[in-house]
């Protein structure tokens, strides 16, 4: 059995004002309830406020996804990719400008991002060379959140309900259907897909 990578000992918090805040959570696993106190992990001598925000690149952070040794963070301007191979010394490796991105989901070699214009697909095969894929775009007016499960992306699309997008060919996404439960889903902000009792459901947060 391979050793567990140290990045799994941490929680990763995306903070609007401070940027990325790694928090050591390994103490929760030692069986001792007396030391279950969570603390910022970064050395304040190296990182002011024990947060990672080089030159303000992560100011406005609003969503984060971890995949492999990278954190993918949306801010109010960019998708920012941070190498967390050494969680105590994160490194910014890529920034991609978007139109107020709100959420990101990673599947295989692709990042699926929703912003003011809709769903966009980014090739992150090599995170340091991440690029928006021309034409890999589905226009949506109110995209708030995205969850990718196998060949579909489920987008929380505000008053329009849930946009179900076929991403079997990630570089050519297409809108499969818009679902609003006959008008009952009219303020959708987040959606997650999960198995419950061997059945597949979408769990929807609707205002």
C-alpha atoms as a PDB file:
ATOM      1  CA  UNK A   1       0.000   0.000   0.000  1.00  0.00           C
ATOM      2  CA  UNK A   2       1.312   3.398  -0.986  1.00  0.00           C
ATOM      3  CA  UNK A   3       1.891   6.116   1.630  1.00  0.00           C
ATOM      4  CA  UNK A   4      -0.857   8.717   1.943  1.00  0.00           C
ATOM      5  CA  UNK A   5       0.059  12.050   0.393  1.00  0.00           C
ATOM      6  CA  UNK A   6       0.350  14.860   2.994  1.00  0.00           C
ATOM      7  CA  UNK A   7      -2.165  17.041   1.142  1.00  0.00           C
ATOM      8  CA  UNK A   8      -4.937  14.815   2.550  1.00  0.00           C
ATOM      9  CA  UNK A   9      -4.143  16.011   6.071  1.00  0.00           C
ATOM     10  CA  UNK A  10      -5.606  19.435   5.330  1.00  0.00           C
ATOM     11  CA  UNK A  11      -8.853  21.248   4.726  1.00  0.00           C
ATOM     12  CA  UNK A  12      -8.675  23.918   2.030  1.00  0.00           C
ATOM     13  CA  UNK A  13     -10.761  27.045   2.562  1.00  0.00           C
ATOM     14  CA  UNK A  14     -11.421  29.613  -0.160  1.00  0.00           C
ATOM     15  CA  UNK A  15     -11.923  32.965   1.529  1.00  0.00           C
ATOM     16  CA  UNK A  16     -13.218  36.030  -0.298  1.00  0.00           C
ATOM     17  CA  UNK A  17     -10.791  38.371   1.437  1.00  0.00           C
ATOM     18  CA  UNK A  18      -7.820  36.203   2.406  1.00  0.00           C
ATOM     19  CA  UNK A  19      -7.531  33.698  -0.450  1.00  0.00           C
ATOM     20  CA  UNK A  20      -6.555  30.068   0.208  1.00  0.00           C
ATOM     21  CA  UNK A  21      -6.334  28.923   3.833  1.00  0.00           C
ATOM     22  CA  UNK A  22      -5.030  25.384   4.481  1.00  0.00           C
ATOM     23  CA  UNK A  23      -6.158  24.014   7.858  1.00  0.00           C
ATOM     24  CA  UNK A  24      -4.556  20.977   9.475  1.00  0.00           C
ATOM     25  CA  UNK A  25      -7.298  18.415  10.131  1.00  0.00           C
ATOM     26  CA  UNK A  26      -5.090  15.394  10.856  1.00  0.00           C
ATOM     27  CA  UNK A  27      -5.631  15.899  14.579  1.00  0.00           C
ATOM     28  CA  UNK A  28      -9.203  14.656  14.128  1.00  0.00           C
ATOM     29  CA  UNK A  29      -7.896  11.185  13.257  1.00  0.00           C
ATOM     30  CA  UNK A  30      -5.704  10.350  16.256  1.00  0.00           C
ATOM     31  CA  UNK A  31      -8.544   9.186  18.520  1.00  0.00           C
ATOM     32  CA  UNK A  32      -7.890  11.865  21.134  1.00  0.00           C
ATOM     33  CA  UNK A  33     -10.897  14.199  21.517  1.00  0.00           C
ATOM     34  CA  UNK A  34      -8.913  16.602  23.689  1.00  0.00           C
ATOM     35  CA  UNK A  35      -6.869  18.050  20.817  1.00  0.00           C
ATOM     36  CA  UNK A  36      -9.606  18.512  18.234  1.00  0.00           C
ATOM     37  CA  UNK A  37      -8.833  22.152  17.563  1.00  0.00           C
ATOM     38  CA  UNK A  38      -8.461  23.303  13.978  1.00  0.00           C
ATOM     39  CA  UNK A  39      -5.749  25.823  13.167  1.00  0.00           C
ATOM     40  CA  UNK A  40      -4.415  27.594  10.117  1.00  0.00           C
ATOM     41  CA  UNK A  41      -1.438  25.620   8.864  1.00  0.00           C
ATOM     42  CA  UNK A  42       0.664  28.161   6.949  1.00  0.00           C
ATOM     43  CA  UNK A  43       3.607  29.753   8.712  1.00  0.00           C
ATOM     44  CA  UNK A  44       2.715  33.436   9.289  1.00  0.00           C
ATOM     45  CA  UNK A  45       6.384  34.357   8.817  1.00  0.00           C
ATOM     46  CA  UNK A  46       6.190  33.049   5.265  1.00  0.00           C
ATOM     47  CA  UNK A  47       2.542  33.873   4.566  1.00  0.00           C
ATOM     48  CA  UNK A  48       0.986  36.934   6.225  1.00  0.00           C
ATOM     49  CA  UNK A  49      -2.236  36.063   8.049  1.00  0.00           C
ATOM     50  CA  UNK A  50      -1.417  32.373   7.406  1.00  0.00           C
ATOM     51  CA  UNK A  51      -3.205  32.605   4.070  1.00  0.00           C
ATOM     52  CA  UNK A  52      -2.036  32.229   0.470  1.00  0.00           C
ATOM     53  CA  UNK A  53      -2.946  35.152  -1.759  1.00  0.00           C
ATOM     54  CA  UNK A  54       0.029  36.181  -3.916  1.00  0.00           C
ATOM     55  CA  UNK A  55      -0.382  39.750  -5.189  1.00  0.00           C
ATOM     56  CA  UNK A  56      -4.131  39.508  -4.468  1.00  0.00           C
ATOM     57  CA  UNK A  57      -4.650  36.783  -7.113  1.00  0.00           C
ATOM     58  CA  UNK A  58      -7.159  34.971  -4.890  1.00  0.00           C
ATOM     59  CA  UNK A  59      -9.062  37.995  -3.626  1.00  0.00           C
ATOM     60  CA  UNK A  60     -12.741  37.377  -4.313  1.00  0.00           C
ATOM     61  CA  UNK A  61     -12.402  33.589  -4.027  1.00  0.00           C
ATOM     62  CA  UNK A  62     -15.841  31.979  -4.052  1.00  0.00           C
ATOM     63  CA  UNK A  63     -15.449  28.279  -4.897  1.00  0.00           C
ATOM     64  CA  UNK A  64     -12.798  25.578  -4.727  1.00  0.00           C
ATOM     65  CA  UNK A  65     -12.286  22.065  -6.092  1.00  0.00           C
ATOM     66  CA  UNK A  66      -9.347  19.772  -5.324  1.00  0.00           C
ATOM     67  CA  UNK A  67      -8.138  17.341  -7.984  1.00  0.00           C
ATOM     68  CA  UNK A  68      -4.831  15.520  -7.827  1.00  0.00           C
ATOM     69  CA  UNK A  69      -2.179  17.847  -6.431  1.00  0.00           C
ATOM     70  CA  UNK A  70      -3.999  21.002  -7.454  1.00  0.00           C
ATOM     71  CA  UNK A  71      -6.607  23.365  -6.053  1.00  0.00           C
ATOM     72  CA  UNK A  72      -8.881  24.986  -8.628  1.00  0.00           C
ATOM     73  CA  UNK A  73     -10.300  28.215  -7.257  1.00  0.00           C
ATOM     74  CA  UNK A  74     -12.772  30.598  -8.854  1.00  0.00           C
ATOM     75  CA  UNK A  75     -12.581  34.250  -7.920  1.00  0.00           C
ATOM     76  CA  UNK A  76     -14.762  37.103  -9.131  1.00  0.00           C
ATOM     77  CA  UNK A  77     -12.426  37.440 -12.154  1.00  0.00           C
ATOM     78  CA  UNK A  78     -10.451  34.259 -12.779  1.00  0.00           C
ATOM     79  CA  UNK A  79     -10.005  30.551 -12.476  1.00  0.00           C
ATOM     80  CA  UNK A  80      -6.815  30.242 -10.439  1.00  0.00           C
ATOM     81  CA  UNK A  81      -4.893  26.966 -10.295  1.00  0.00           C
ATOM     82  CA  UNK A  82      -2.680  26.364  -7.264  1.00  0.00           C
ATOM     83  CA  UNK A  83      -0.185  23.529  -6.849  1.00  0.00           C
ATOM     84  CA  UNK A  84      -0.637  22.011  -3.354  1.00  0.00           C
ATOM     85  CA  UNK A  85       1.825  19.148  -3.718  1.00  0.00           C
ATOM     86  CA  UNK A  86       3.448  20.693  -0.639  1.00  0.00           C
ATOM     87  CA  UNK A  87       0.381  21.977   1.250  1.00  0.00           C
ATOM     88  CA  UNK A  88       2.491  24.284   3.437  1.00  0.00           C
ATOM     89  CA  UNK A  89       4.076  25.955   0.408  1.00  0.00           C
ATOM     90  CA  UNK A  90       1.340  26.347  -2.222  1.00  0.00           C
ATOM     91  CA  UNK A  91       2.315  27.735  -5.626  1.00  0.00           C
ATOM     92  CA  UNK A  92       0.163  29.612  -8.120  1.00  0.00           C
ATOM     93  CA  UNK A  93       0.669  27.990 -11.522  1.00  0.00           C
ATOM     94  CA  UNK A  94      -2.053  29.368 -13.787  1.00  0.00           C
ATOM     95  CA  UNK A  95      -4.748  32.054 -14.067  1.00  0.00           C
ATOM     96  CA  UNK A  96      -7.515  32.184 -16.649  1.00  0.00           C
ATOM     97  CA  UNK A  97      -9.683  35.274 -17.008  1.00  0.00           C
ATOM     98  CA  UNK A  98     -13.444  34.672 -17.120  1.00  0.00           C
ATOM     99  CA  UNK A  99     -16.668  36.651 -16.711  1.00  0.00           C
ATOM    100  CA  UNK A 100     -17.290  36.510 -12.955  1.00  0.00           C
ATOM    101  CA  UNK A 101     -16.870  32.749 -12.512  1.00  0.00           C
ATOM    102  CA  UNK A 102     -18.854  31.202  -9.659  1.00  0.00           C
ATOM    103  CA  UNK A 103     -18.016  27.503  -9.494  1.00  0.00           C
ATOM    104  CA  UNK A 104     -15.728  24.828 -10.924  1.00  0.00           C
ATOM    105  CA  UNK A 105     -15.905  21.050 -11.211  1.00  0.00           C
ATOM    106  CA  UNK A 106     -13.075  18.796 -12.375  1.00  0.00           C
ATOM    107  CA  UNK A 107     -13.446  15.533 -14.271  1.00  0.00           C
ATOM    108  CA  UNK A 108     -10.479  13.781 -15.870  1.00  0.00           C
ATOM    109  CA  UNK A 109      -8.614  16.287 -18.063  1.00  0.00           C
ATOM    110  CA  UNK A 110     -11.224  19.033 -17.914  1.00  0.00           C
ATOM    111  CA  UNK A 111     -12.411  21.828 -15.685  1.00  0.00           C
ATOM    112  CA  UNK A 112     -16.056  22.826 -16.081  1.00  0.00           C
ATOM    113  CA  UNK A 113     -16.629  26.413 -14.992  1.00  0.00           C
ATOM    114  CA  UNK A 114     -19.816  28.459 -14.791  1.00  0.00           C
ATOM    115  CA  UNK A 115     -19.734  32.234 -15.109  1.00  0.00           C
ATOM    116  CA  UNK A 116     -21.937  35.116 -16.246  1.00  0.00           C
ATOM    117  CA  UNK A 117     -22.022  33.711 -19.776  1.00  0.00           C
ATOM    118  CA  UNK A 118     -22.757  30.045 -18.997  1.00  0.00           C
ATOM    119  CA  UNK A 119     -20.766  26.805 -18.895  1.00  0.00           C
ATOM    120  CA  UNK A 120     -17.194  26.817 -20.222  1.00  0.00           C
ATOM    121  CA  UNK A 121     -14.738  23.939 -20.572  1.00  0.00           C
ATOM    122  CA  UNK A 122     -11.040  24.306 -19.806  1.00  0.00           C
ATOM    123  CA  UNK A 123      -8.336  21.806 -20.704  1.00  0.00           C
ATOM    124  CA  UNK A 124      -6.300  21.166 -17.534  1.00  0.00           C
ATOM    125  CA  UNK A 125      -4.346  18.157 -18.803  1.00  0.00           C
ATOM    126  CA  UNK A 126      -1.263  20.138 -17.817  1.00  0.00           C
ATOM    127  CA  UNK A 127      -2.502  22.602 -15.174  1.00  0.00           C
ATOM    128  CA  UNK A 128       0.434  24.925 -15.769  1.00  0.00           C
ATOM    129  CA  UNK A 129      -0.748  25.251 -19.385  1.00  0.00           C
ATOM    130  CA  UNK A 130      -4.505  25.332 -18.786  1.00  0.00           C
ATOM    131  CA  UNK A 131      -6.532  26.841 -21.609  1.00  0.00           C
ATOM    132  CA  UNK A 132     -10.140  27.604 -22.447  1.00  0.00           C
ATOM    133  CA  UNK A 133     -11.309  25.318 -25.245  1.00  0.00           C
ATOM    134  CA  UNK A 134     -12.668  27.387 -28.132  1.00  0.00           C
ATOM    135  CA  UNK A 135     -16.311  26.580 -28.823  1.00  0.00           C
ATOM    136  CA  UNK A 136     -16.725  24.397 -25.720  1.00  0.00           C
ATOM    137  CA  UNK A 137     -19.462  26.591 -24.319  1.00  0.00           C
ATOM    138  CA  UNK A 138     -23.152  26.469 -23.429  1.00  0.00           C
ATOM    139  CA  UNK A 139     -24.870  29.821 -22.985  1.00  0.00           C
ATOM    140  CA  UNK A 140     -26.810  30.112 -19.720  1.00  0.00           C
ATOM    141  CA  UNK A 141     -28.280  33.235 -18.195  1.00  0.00           C
ATOM    142  CA  UNK A 142     -28.151  32.439 -14.476  1.00  0.00           C
ATOM    143  CA  UNK A 143     -25.488  29.785 -13.870  1.00  0.00           C
ATOM    144  CA  UNK A 144     -24.577  29.562 -10.161  1.00  0.00           C
ATOM    145  CA  UNK A 145     -23.053  26.134  -9.645  1.00  0.00           C
ATOM    146  CA  UNK A 146     -21.992  23.027 -11.564  1.00  0.00           C
ATOM    147  CA  UNK A 147     -21.720  19.346 -10.694  1.00  0.00           C
ATOM    148  CA  UNK A 148     -20.336  16.822 -13.177  1.00  0.00           C
ATOM    149  CA  UNK A 149     -21.329  13.142 -12.981  1.00  0.00           C
ATOM    150  CA  UNK A 150     -19.991  10.908 -15.731  1.00  0.00           C
ATOM    151  CA  UNK A 151     -21.395  12.165 -19.033  1.00  0.00           C
ATOM    152  CA  UNK A 152     -23.565  15.019 -17.746  1.00  0.00           C
ATOM    153  CA  UNK A 153     -22.978  18.389 -16.141  1.00  0.00           C
ATOM    154  CA  UNK A 154     -25.787  19.650 -13.917  1.00  0.00           C
ATOM    155  CA  UNK A 155     -25.887  23.424 -13.649  1.00  0.00           C
ATOM    156  CA  UNK A 156     -27.883  25.341 -11.052  1.00  0.00           C
ATOM    157  CA  UNK A 157     -29.427  27.924 -13.350  1.00  0.00           C
ATOM    158  CA  UNK A 158     -31.398  30.208 -11.047  1.00  0.00           C
ATOM    159  CA  UNK A 159     -34.962  30.945 -12.207  1.00  0.00           C
ATOM    160  CA  UNK A 160     -34.622  28.499 -15.103  1.00  0.00           C
ATOM    161  CA  UNK A 161     -34.092  25.464 -12.848  1.00  0.00           C
ATOM    162  CA  UNK A 162     -31.394  22.913 -13.669  1.00  0.00           C
ATOM    163  CA  UNK A 163     -29.568  22.864 -16.984  1.00  0.00           C
ATOM    164  CA  UNK A 164     -28.597  19.280 -17.858  1.00  0.00           C
ATOM    165  CA  UNK A 165     -25.686  19.344 -20.287  1.00  0.00           C
ATOM    166  CA  UNK A 166     -24.272  16.407 -22.212  1.00  0.00           C
ATOM    167  CA  UNK A 167     -20.496  16.402 -21.720  1.00  0.00           C
ATOM    168  CA  UNK A 168     -19.744  12.929 -23.068  1.00  0.00           C
ATOM    169  CA  UNK A 169     -17.561  14.803 -25.535  1.00  0.00           C
ATOM    170  CA  UNK A 170     -16.223  17.507 -23.198  1.00  0.00           C
ATOM    171  CA  UNK A 171     -14.923  19.680 -26.016  1.00  0.00           C
ATOM    172  CA  UNK A 172     -18.395  19.753 -27.580  1.00  0.00           C
ATOM    173  CA  UNK A 173     -20.889  20.174 -24.719  1.00  0.00           C
ATOM    174  CA  UNK A 174     -24.565  20.522 -25.610  1.00  0.00           C
ATOM    175  CA  UNK A 175     -27.669  21.380 -23.643  1.00  0.00           C
ATOM    176  CA  UNK A 176     -29.718  18.215 -23.197  1.00  0.00           C
ATOM    177  CA  UNK A 177     -32.645  19.789 -21.362  1.00  0.00           C
ATOM    178  CA  UNK A 178     -33.701  22.484 -18.916  1.00  0.00           C
ATOM    179  CA  UNK A 179     -35.627  21.063 -15.957  1.00  0.00           C
ATOM    180  CA  UNK A 180     -37.665  23.207 -13.558  1.00  0.00           C
ATOM    181  CA  UNK A 181     -40.175  20.681 -12.108  1.00  0.00           C
ATOM    182  CA  UNK A 182     -43.098  22.498 -13.719  1.00  0.00           C
ATOM    183  CA  UNK A 183     -41.980  25.823 -12.311  1.00  0.00           C
ATOM    184  CA  UNK A 184     -41.274  24.593  -8.778  1.00  0.00           C
ATOM    185  CA  UNK A 185     -37.511  25.060  -9.244  1.00  0.00           C
ATOM    186  CA  UNK A 186     -37.328  28.794  -9.799  1.00  0.00           C
ATOM    187  CA  UNK A 187     -34.338  29.981  -7.751  1.00  0.00           C
ATOM    188  CA  UNK A 188     -31.742  27.213  -8.024  1.00  0.00           C
ATOM    189  CA  UNK A 189     -28.371  27.994  -6.460  1.00  0.00           C
ATOM    190  CA  UNK A 190     -26.697  24.622  -6.070  1.00  0.00           C
ATOM    191  CA  UNK A 191     -27.078  21.027  -7.184  1.00  0.00           C
ATOM    192  CA  UNK A 192     -25.325  17.776  -6.200  1.00  0.00           C
ATOM    193  CA  UNK A 193     -25.844  14.303  -7.640  1.00  0.00           C
ATOM    194  CA  UNK A 194     -25.559  11.246  -5.395  1.00  0.00           C
ATOM    195  CA  UNK A 195     -26.639   7.634  -4.946  1.00  0.00           C
ATOM    196  CA  UNK A 196     -29.131   6.977  -2.158  1.00  0.00           C
ATOM    197  CA  UNK A 197     -30.467   3.474  -1.568  1.00  0.00           C
ATOM    198  CA  UNK A 198     -29.068   2.396  -4.945  1.00  0.00           C
ATOM    199  CA  UNK A 199     -30.966   5.148  -6.771  1.00  0.00           C
ATOM    200  CA  UNK A 200     -29.526   8.268  -8.374  1.00  0.00           C
ATOM    201  CA  UNK A 201     -30.861  11.649  -7.292  1.00  0.00           C
ATOM    202  CA  UNK A 202     -30.092  15.307  -7.834  1.00  0.00           C
ATOM    203  CA  UNK A 203     -30.269  17.263  -4.590  1.00  0.00           C
ATOM    204  CA  UNK A 204     -31.178  20.869  -5.286  1.00  0.00           C
ATOM    205  CA  UNK A 205     -30.823  23.986  -3.142  1.00  0.00           C
ATOM    206  CA  UNK A 206     -33.589  26.315  -4.279  1.00  0.00           C
ATOM    207  CA  UNK A 207     -34.316  29.696  -2.729  1.00  0.00           C
END
